[in-house]
Amino acid sequence: MSYRAIVFDLDGTLLNTLDDIADSANAVLAEGGYPIHPVDAYRYFIGNGVATLFERALPEDDCRPSIVRACVEGFRQVYEKHWDVKTHLYDGVAELLDELVKRDVQMAVLSNKPHTFTRKSVGRYLLRWPLSPVLGQRDGIPHKPDPAGALEIADELGVAPAEFLYLGDTATDMETARAAGMFAVGALWGFRSAEELREGGAAALIAKPQELLEWVGDGTDE
């Protein structure tokens, strides 16, 4: 089947944001007197929002709601200054997006990153491509794996969920896609393992961005 539209996750899928997130979170932890973590540890802290990141990163005895809230606020302040220091597109993403534009495929972004930072990231690194809507985590809207955001995108674009590919790099993304009735594709270049993606319900796994084109028409379909 050729799909008409694509929902992209952001961190770990289109953009490698790991170093900037890890550096900012470690700065907050260090300021609070808590242990910091190696960058690779953040592959498993990221994915379910900033509050969950700190619930995973803080020592168990210090993981209290008031401390998590303080860390989240501190992170917003630090990340505001350092969110684009080391972040970059993954190899092959620009070429994939160029080809999808040629094939007239509608493209959107859905992230558990705070909405403001999601839009900043897309504006900084992905502005040359027509990605719309771009949705991050917003107050009052359940975050992934709840399918609300994905279904909102389908409704805005006027495309049935069954006609969407969903590309992401975590089990959360795969669960979101399945819950929304979209075709779940796992990105193996991202933050998590093939095993996790399969367990999350991935219908397919790809090692390079261009492999996604297998499920997209060539632009000449009637």
C-alpha atoms as a PDB file:
ATOM      1  CA  MET A   1       0.000   0.000   0.000  1.00  0.00           C
ATOM      2  CA  SER A   2       1.145   3.545  -0.765  1.00  0.00           C
ATOM      3  CA  TYR A   3       0.488   5.959   2.088  1.00  0.00           C
ATOM      4  CA  ARG A   4      -0.640   9.552   1.531  1.00  0.00           C
ATOM      5  CA  ALA A   5       0.713  11.216   4.652  1.00  0.00           C
ATOM      6  CA  ILE A   6       3.382  10.784   7.321  1.00  0.00           C
ATOM      7  CA  VAL A   7       3.589  11.654  11.000  1.00  0.00           C
ATOM      8  CA  PHE A   8       7.183  12.040  12.146  1.00  0.00           C
ATOM      9  CA  ASP A   9       8.434  11.891  15.680  1.00  0.00           C
ATOM     10  CA  LEU A  10      11.132  14.534  16.205  1.00  0.00           C
ATOM     11  CA  ASP A  11      13.877  13.646  18.716  1.00  0.00           C
ATOM     12  CA  GLY A  12      15.648  10.469  17.664  1.00  0.00           C
ATOM     13  CA  THR A  13      13.825  10.347  14.332  1.00  0.00           C
ATOM     14  CA  LEU A  14      14.411  13.540  12.353  1.00  0.00           C
ATOM     15  CA  LEU A  15      16.834  15.266  14.718  1.00  0.00           C
ATOM     16  CA  ASN A  16      19.651  13.939  16.877  1.00  0.00           C
ATOM     17  CA  THR A  17      19.003  16.055  19.970  1.00  0.00           C
ATOM     18  CA  LEU A  18      20.562  13.675  22.469  1.00  0.00           C
ATOM     19  CA  ASP A  19      23.662  15.685  23.407  1.00  0.00           C
ATOM     20  CA  ASP A  20      21.840  18.975  23.950  1.00  0.00           C
ATOM     21  CA  ILE A  21      19.137  17.339  26.057  1.00  0.00           C
ATOM     22  CA  ALA A  22      21.684  15.376  28.102  1.00  0.00           C
ATOM     23  CA  ASP A  23      23.918  18.403  28.650  1.00  0.00           C
ATOM     24  CA  SER A  24      20.981  20.561  29.739  1.00  0.00           C
ATOM     25  CA  ALA A  25      19.517  17.913  32.044  1.00  0.00           C
ATOM     26  CA  ASN A  26      22.898  17.169  33.585  1.00  0.00           C
ATOM     27  CA  ALA A  27      23.403  20.878  34.262  1.00  0.00           C
ATOM     28  CA  VAL A  28      20.100  20.940  36.158  1.00  0.00           C
ATOM     29  CA  LEU A  29      20.953  17.790  38.108  1.00  0.00           C
ATOM     30  CA  ALA A  30      24.396  19.073  39.006  1.00  0.00           C
ATOM     31  CA  GLU A  31      22.973  22.407  40.159  1.00  0.00           C
ATOM     32  CA  GLY A  32      20.633  20.510  42.488  1.00  0.00           C
ATOM     33  CA  GLY A  33      23.423  18.354  43.853  1.00  0.00           C
ATOM     34  CA  TYR A  34      22.185  15.168  42.173  1.00  0.00           C
ATOM     35  CA  PRO A  35      24.282  12.641  40.226  1.00  0.00           C
ATOM     36  CA  ILE A  36      24.654  13.262  36.513  1.00  0.00           C
ATOM     37  CA  HIS A  37      24.523  10.607  33.800  1.00  0.00           C
ATOM     38  CA  PRO A  38      26.463   9.689  30.653  1.00  0.00           C
ATOM     39  CA  VAL A  39      24.911  10.911  27.435  1.00  0.00           C
ATOM     40  CA  ASP A  40      23.896   7.410  26.340  1.00  0.00           C
ATOM     41  CA  ALA A  41      21.756   6.996  29.461  1.00  0.00           C
ATOM     42  CA  TYR A  42      19.480   9.696  28.119  1.00  0.00           C
ATOM     43  CA  ARG A  43      18.485   7.428  25.239  1.00  0.00           C
ATOM     44  CA  TYR A  44      16.233   5.720  27.781  1.00  0.00           C
ATOM     45  CA  PHE A  45      15.253   8.790  29.780  1.00  0.00           C
ATOM     46  CA  ILE A  46      13.877  10.635  26.723  1.00  0.00           C
ATOM     47  CA  GLY A  47      10.558   9.893  25.088  1.00  0.00           C
ATOM     48  CA  ASN A  48       7.669  10.556  27.460  1.00  0.00           C
ATOM     49  CA  GLY A  49       8.070  14.234  28.253  1.00  0.00           C
ATOM     50  CA  VAL A  50      10.408  16.282  30.439  1.00  0.00           C
ATOM     51  CA  ALA A  51       8.792  15.343  33.752  1.00  0.00           C
ATOM     52  CA  THR A  52       9.261  11.649  33.000  1.00  0.00           C
ATOM     53  CA  LEU A  53      12.851  12.316  31.962  1.00  0.00           C
ATOM     54  CA  PHE A  54      13.618  13.628  35.446  1.00  0.00           C
ATOM     55  CA  GLU A  55      11.617  10.889  37.144  1.00  0.00           C
ATOM     56  CA  ARG A  56      14.023   8.503  35.442  1.00  0.00           C
ATOM     57  CA  ALA A  57      17.171  10.594  35.974  1.00  0.00           C
ATOM     58  CA  LEU A  58      16.742  11.536  39.641  1.00  0.00           C
ATOM     59  CA  PRO A  59      17.794   9.189  42.448  1.00  0.00           C
ATOM     60  CA  GLU A  60      14.779   7.207  43.616  1.00  0.00           C
ATOM     61  CA  ASP A  61      14.805   8.775  47.084  1.00  0.00           C
ATOM     62  CA  ASP A  62      14.698  12.274  45.577  1.00  0.00           C
ATOM     63  CA  CYS A  63      12.044  11.611  42.965  1.00  0.00           C
ATOM     64  CA  ARG A  64       9.306  13.662  44.613  1.00  0.00           C
ATOM     65  CA  PRO A  65       6.770  15.774  42.688  1.00  0.00           C
ATOM     66  CA  SER A  66       8.145  19.070  44.018  1.00  0.00           C
ATOM     67  CA  ILE A  67      11.705  18.173  42.999  1.00  0.00           C
ATOM     68  CA  VAL A  68      10.595  16.936  39.573  1.00  0.00           C
ATOM     69  CA  ARG A  69       8.697  20.182  38.992  1.00  0.00           C
ATOM     70  CA  ALA A  70      11.746  22.235  39.978  1.00  0.00           C
ATOM     71  CA  CYS A  71      13.941  20.209  37.633  1.00  0.00           C
ATOM     72  CA  VAL A  72      11.477  20.627  34.770  1.00  0.00           C
ATOM     73  CA  GLU A  73      11.463  24.400  35.249  1.00  0.00           C
ATOM     74  CA  GLY A  74      15.252  24.467  35.494  1.00  0.00           C
ATOM     75  CA  PHE A  75      15.519  22.404  32.337  1.00  0.00           C
ATOM     76  CA  ARG A  76      13.290  24.813  30.420  1.00  0.00           C
ATOM     77  CA  GLN A  77      15.587  27.682  31.374  1.00  0.00           C
ATOM     78  CA  VAL A  78      18.836  25.876  30.547  1.00  0.00           C
ATOM     79  CA  TYR A  79      17.579  24.217  27.376  1.00  0.00           C
ATOM     80  CA  GLU A  80      16.283  27.581  26.139  1.00  0.00           C
ATOM     81  CA  LYS A  81      19.928  28.682  25.892  1.00  0.00           C
ATOM     82  CA  HIS A  82      21.531  25.436  24.728  1.00  0.00           C
ATOM     83  CA  TRP A  83      18.946  23.526  22.667  1.00  0.00           C
ATOM     84  CA  ASP A  84      20.738  24.006  19.336  1.00  0.00           C
ATOM     85  CA  VAL A  85      24.420  23.654  20.250  1.00  0.00           C
ATOM     86  CA  LYS A  86      24.979  20.056  19.083  1.00  0.00           C
ATOM     87  CA  THR A  87      21.607  19.120  17.583  1.00  0.00           C
ATOM     88  CA  HIS A  88      21.591  18.129  13.901  1.00  0.00           C
ATOM     89  CA  LEU A  89      19.592  16.255  11.280  1.00  0.00           C
ATOM     90  CA  TYR A  90      20.324  12.570  10.989  1.00  0.00           C
ATOM     91  CA  ASP A  91      22.106  11.488   7.816  1.00  0.00           C
ATOM     92  CA  GLY A  92      19.633  10.901   5.025  1.00  0.00           C
ATOM     93  CA  VAL A  93      16.747  12.865   6.547  1.00  0.00           C
ATOM     94  CA  ALA A  94      17.135  15.874   4.228  1.00  0.00           C
ATOM     95  CA  GLU A  95      17.184  13.616   1.174  1.00  0.00           C
ATOM     96  CA  LEU A  96      14.109  11.739   2.405  1.00  0.00           C
ATOM     97  CA  LEU A  97      12.146  14.928   2.983  1.00  0.00           C
ATOM     98  CA  ASP A  98      13.173  16.317  -0.407  1.00  0.00           C
ATOM     99  CA  GLU A  99      11.864  13.197  -2.109  1.00  0.00           C
ATOM    100  CA  LEU A 100       8.622  13.207  -0.118  1.00  0.00           C
ATOM    101  CA  VAL A 101       7.995  16.778  -1.246  1.00  0.00           C
ATOM    102  CA  LYS A 102       8.505  15.680  -4.863  1.00  0.00           C
ATOM    103  CA  ARG A 103       5.980  12.905  -4.314  1.00  0.00           C
ATOM    104  CA  ASP A 104       3.467  15.352  -2.815  1.00  0.00           C
ATOM    105  CA  VAL A 105       3.235  13.487   0.492  1.00  0.00           C
ATOM    106  CA  GLN A 106       1.745  15.442   3.385  1.00  0.00           C
ATOM    107  CA  MET A 107       4.051  15.531   6.418  1.00  0.00           C
ATOM    108  CA  ALA A 108       3.526  16.467  10.062  1.00  0.00           C
ATOM    109  CA  VAL A 109       5.453  16.303  13.340  1.00  0.00           C
ATOM    110  CA  LEU A 110       4.213  14.954  16.670  1.00  0.00           C
ATOM    111  CA  SER A 111       6.548  15.088  19.659  1.00  0.00           C
ATOM    112  CA  ASN A 112       6.430  14.703  23.427  1.00  0.00           C
ATOM    113  CA  LYS A 113       8.939  17.562  23.575  1.00  0.00           C
ATOM    114  CA  PRO A 114       7.311  20.740  24.948  1.00  0.00           C
ATOM    115  CA  HIS A 115       5.354  22.459  22.184  1.00  0.00           C
ATOM    116  CA  THR A 116       7.478  25.620  22.204  1.00  0.00           C
ATOM    117  CA  PHE A 117      10.733  23.701  21.791  1.00  0.00           C
ATOM    118  CA  THR A 118       9.190  21.411  19.181  1.00  0.00           C
ATOM    119  CA  ARG A 119       8.241  24.390  17.031  1.00  0.00           C
ATOM    120  CA  LYS A 120      11.616  26.061  17.603  1.00  0.00           C
ATOM    121  CA  SER A 121      13.431  22.896  16.566  1.00  0.00           C
ATOM    122  CA  VAL A 122      11.419  22.517  13.389  1.00  0.00           C
ATOM    123  CA  GLY A 123      11.842  26.210  12.607  1.00  0.00           C
ATOM    124  CA  ARG A 124      15.598  26.025  13.109  1.00  0.00           C
ATOM    125  CA  TYR A 125      16.408  22.765  11.328  1.00  0.00           C
ATOM    126  CA  LEU A 126      13.430  21.791   9.155  1.00  0.00           C
ATOM    127  CA  LEU A 127      11.934  25.043   7.911  1.00  0.00           C
ATOM    128  CA  ARG A 128      12.703  24.332   4.253  1.00  0.00           C
ATOM    129  CA  TRP A 129      10.173  21.477   4.197  1.00  0.00           C
ATOM    130  CA  PRO A 130       6.366  21.835   4.470  1.00  0.00           C
ATOM    131  CA  LEU A 131       5.857  20.084   7.796  1.00  0.00           C
ATOM    132  CA  SER A 132       2.413  20.940   9.135  1.00  0.00           C
ATOM    133  CA  PRO A 133       0.958  20.697  11.660  1.00  0.00           C
ATOM    134  CA  VAL A 134       3.859  20.623  14.120  1.00  0.00           C
ATOM    135  CA  LEU A 135       2.658  19.550  17.551  1.00  0.00           C
ATOM    136  CA  GLY A 136       4.581  19.146  20.790  1.00  0.00           C
ATOM    137  CA  GLN A 137       3.387  18.401  24.294  1.00  0.00           C
ATOM    138  CA  ARG A 138       0.665  20.888  25.232  1.00  0.00           C
ATOM    139  CA  ASP A 139      -1.267  21.513  28.425  1.00  0.00           C
ATOM    140  CA  GLY A 140      -4.593  19.730  28.430  1.00  0.00           C
ATOM    141  CA  ILE A 141      -3.663  17.360  25.592  1.00  0.00           C
ATOM    142  CA  PRO A 142      -2.542  13.849  26.593  1.00  0.00           C
ATOM    143  CA  HIS A 143       0.935  13.033  25.377  1.00  0.00           C
ATOM    144  CA  LYS A 144       2.003   9.980  23.422  1.00  0.00           C
ATOM    145  CA  PRO A 145       1.251   7.061  23.499  1.00  0.00           C
ATOM    146  CA  ASP A 146      -2.266   8.501  23.705  1.00  0.00           C
ATOM    147  CA  PRO A 147      -3.337   8.848  20.046  1.00  0.00           C
ATOM    148  CA  ALA A 148      -5.022  12.250  20.521  1.00  0.00           C
ATOM    149  CA  GLY A 149      -2.242  14.227  18.818  1.00  0.00           C
ATOM    150  CA  ALA A 150      -1.945  11.814  15.900  1.00  0.00           C
ATOM    151  CA  LEU A 151      -5.705  11.860  15.350  1.00  0.00           C
ATOM    152  CA  GLU A 152      -5.704  15.660  15.557  1.00  0.00           C
ATOM    153  CA  ILE A 153      -3.148  15.703  12.734  1.00  0.00           C
ATOM    154  CA  ALA A 154      -5.222  13.307  10.628  1.00  0.00           C
ATOM    155  CA  ASP A 155      -8.302  15.454  11.138  1.00  0.00           C
ATOM    156  CA  GLU A 156      -6.481  18.681  10.255  1.00  0.00           C
ATOM    157  CA  LEU A 157      -4.999  17.208   7.083  1.00  0.00           C
ATOM    158  CA  GLY A 158      -8.249  15.524   6.077  1.00  0.00           C
ATOM    159  CA  VAL A 159      -6.542  12.167   5.633  1.00  0.00           C
ATOM    160  CA  ALA A 160      -7.845   8.940   7.170  1.00  0.00           C
ATOM    161  CA  PRO A 161      -5.523   7.477   9.857  1.00  0.00           C
ATOM    162  CA  ALA A 162      -5.242   4.250   7.870  1.00  0.00           C
ATOM    163  CA  GLU A 163      -3.549   6.243   5.089  1.00  0.00           C
ATOM    164  CA  PHE A 164      -0.744   7.462   7.371  1.00  0.00           C
ATOM    165  CA  LEU A 165       2.752   6.182   7.948  1.00  0.00           C
ATOM    166  CA  TYR A 166       4.063   6.946  11.416  1.00  0.00           C
ATOM    167  CA  LEU A 167       7.859   7.035  11.796  1.00  0.00           C
ATOM    168  CA  GLY A 168       9.375   7.045  15.277  1.00  0.00           C
ATOM    169  CA  ASP A 169      12.214   5.584  17.304  1.00  0.00           C
ATOM    170  CA  THR A 170      10.603   4.396  20.566  1.00  0.00           C
ATOM    171  CA  ALA A 171       7.976   1.948  21.763  1.00  0.00           C
ATOM    172  CA  THR A 172       5.930   5.007  22.714  1.00  0.00           C
ATOM    173  CA  ASP A 173       5.810   6.003  19.059  1.00  0.00           C
ATOM    174  CA  MET A 174       4.854   2.520  17.923  1.00  0.00           C
ATOM    175  CA  GLU A 175       2.080   2.362  20.511  1.00  0.00           C
ATOM    176  CA  THR A 176       0.837   5.783  19.431  1.00  0.00           C
ATOM    177  CA  ALA A 177       0.720   4.741  15.796  1.00  0.00           C
ATOM    178  CA  ARG A 178      -1.142   1.543  16.540  1.00  0.00           C
ATOM    179  CA  ALA A 179      -3.629   3.292  18.804  1.00  0.00           C
ATOM    180  CA  ALA A 180      -4.301   5.846  16.061  1.00  0.00           C
ATOM    181  CA  GLY A 181      -4.714   3.199  13.362  1.00  0.00           C
ATOM    182  CA  MET A 182      -1.570   4.238  11.489  1.00  0.00           C
ATOM    183  CA  PHE A 183       1.206   2.102   9.973  1.00  0.00           C
ATOM    184  CA  ALA A 184       4.005   2.046  12.557  1.00  0.00           C
ATOM    185  CA  VAL A 185       7.590   2.183  11.253  1.00  0.00           C
ATOM    186  CA  GLY A 186      10.541   2.052  13.639  1.00  0.00           C
ATOM    187  CA  ALA A 187      13.678   4.128  12.986  1.00  0.00           C
ATOM    188  CA  LEU A 188      16.723   2.056  13.900  1.00  0.00           C
ATOM    189  CA  TRP A 189      19.081   5.064  13.842  1.00  0.00           C
ATOM    190  CA  GLY A 190      17.330   6.635  16.839  1.00  0.00           C
ATOM    191  CA  PHE A 191      17.505   6.322  20.602  1.00  0.00           C
ATOM    192  CA  ARG A 192      16.098   2.829  21.186  1.00  0.00           C
ATOM    193  CA  SER A 193      16.652  -0.769  20.121  1.00  0.00           C
ATOM    194  CA  ALA A 194      15.008  -2.918  17.459  1.00  0.00           C
ATOM    195  CA  GLU A 195      13.747  -5.185  20.217  1.00  0.00           C
ATOM    196  CA  GLU A 196      11.924  -2.332  21.934  1.00  0.00           C
ATOM    197  CA  LEU A 197      10.405  -1.173  18.669  1.00  0.00           C
ATOM    198  CA  ARG A 198       9.145  -4.657  17.864  1.00  0.00           C
ATOM    199  CA  GLU A 199       7.709  -5.063  21.349  1.00  0.00           C
ATOM    200  CA  GLY A 200       5.992  -1.709  20.935  1.00  0.00           C
ATOM    201  CA  GLY A 201       4.215  -2.974  17.848  1.00  0.00           C
ATOM    202  CA  ALA A 202       6.309  -1.815  14.898  1.00  0.00           C
ATOM    203  CA  ALA A 203       4.907  -3.089  11.613  1.00  0.00           C
ATOM    204  CA  ALA A 204       8.286  -2.473   9.960  1.00  0.00           C
ATOM    205  CA  LEU A 205      11.817  -1.393  10.880  1.00  0.00           C
ATOM    206  CA  ILE A 206      14.149   0.663   8.698  1.00  0.00           C
ATOM    207  CA  ALA A 207      17.885   1.274   9.030  1.00  0.00           C
ATOM    208  CA  LYS A 208      18.074   4.370   6.789  1.00  0.00           C
ATOM    209  CA  PRO A 209      15.563   7.193   6.224  1.00  0.00           C
ATOM    210  CA  GLN A 210      15.289   6.583   2.475  1.00  0.00           C
ATOM    211  CA  GLU A 211      13.912   3.095   3.119  1.00  0.00           C
ATOM    212  CA  LEU A 212      10.634   4.766   4.117  1.00  0.00           C
ATOM    213  CA  LEU A 213      10.019   5.498   0.439  1.00  0.00           C
ATOM    214  CA  GLU A 214       9.114   1.837  -0.058  1.00  0.00           C
ATOM    215  CA  TRP A 215       5.642   2.624   1.296  1.00  0.00           C
ATOM    216  CA  VAL A 216       5.101   5.935  -0.509  1.00  0.00           C
ATOM    217  CA  GLY A 217       3.808   6.442  -4.036  1.00  0.00           C
ATOM    218  CA  ASP A 218       5.994   8.027  -6.703  1.00  0.00           C
ATOM    219  CA  GLY A 219       3.756  11.064  -7.078  1.00  0.00           C
ATOM    220  CA  THR A 220       2.073   9.867 -10.264  1.00  0.00           C
ATOM    221  CA  ASP A 221      -0.676   7.850  -8.583  1.00  0.00           C
ATOM    222  CA  GLU A 222      -4.193   8.863  -9.514  1.00  0.00           C
END
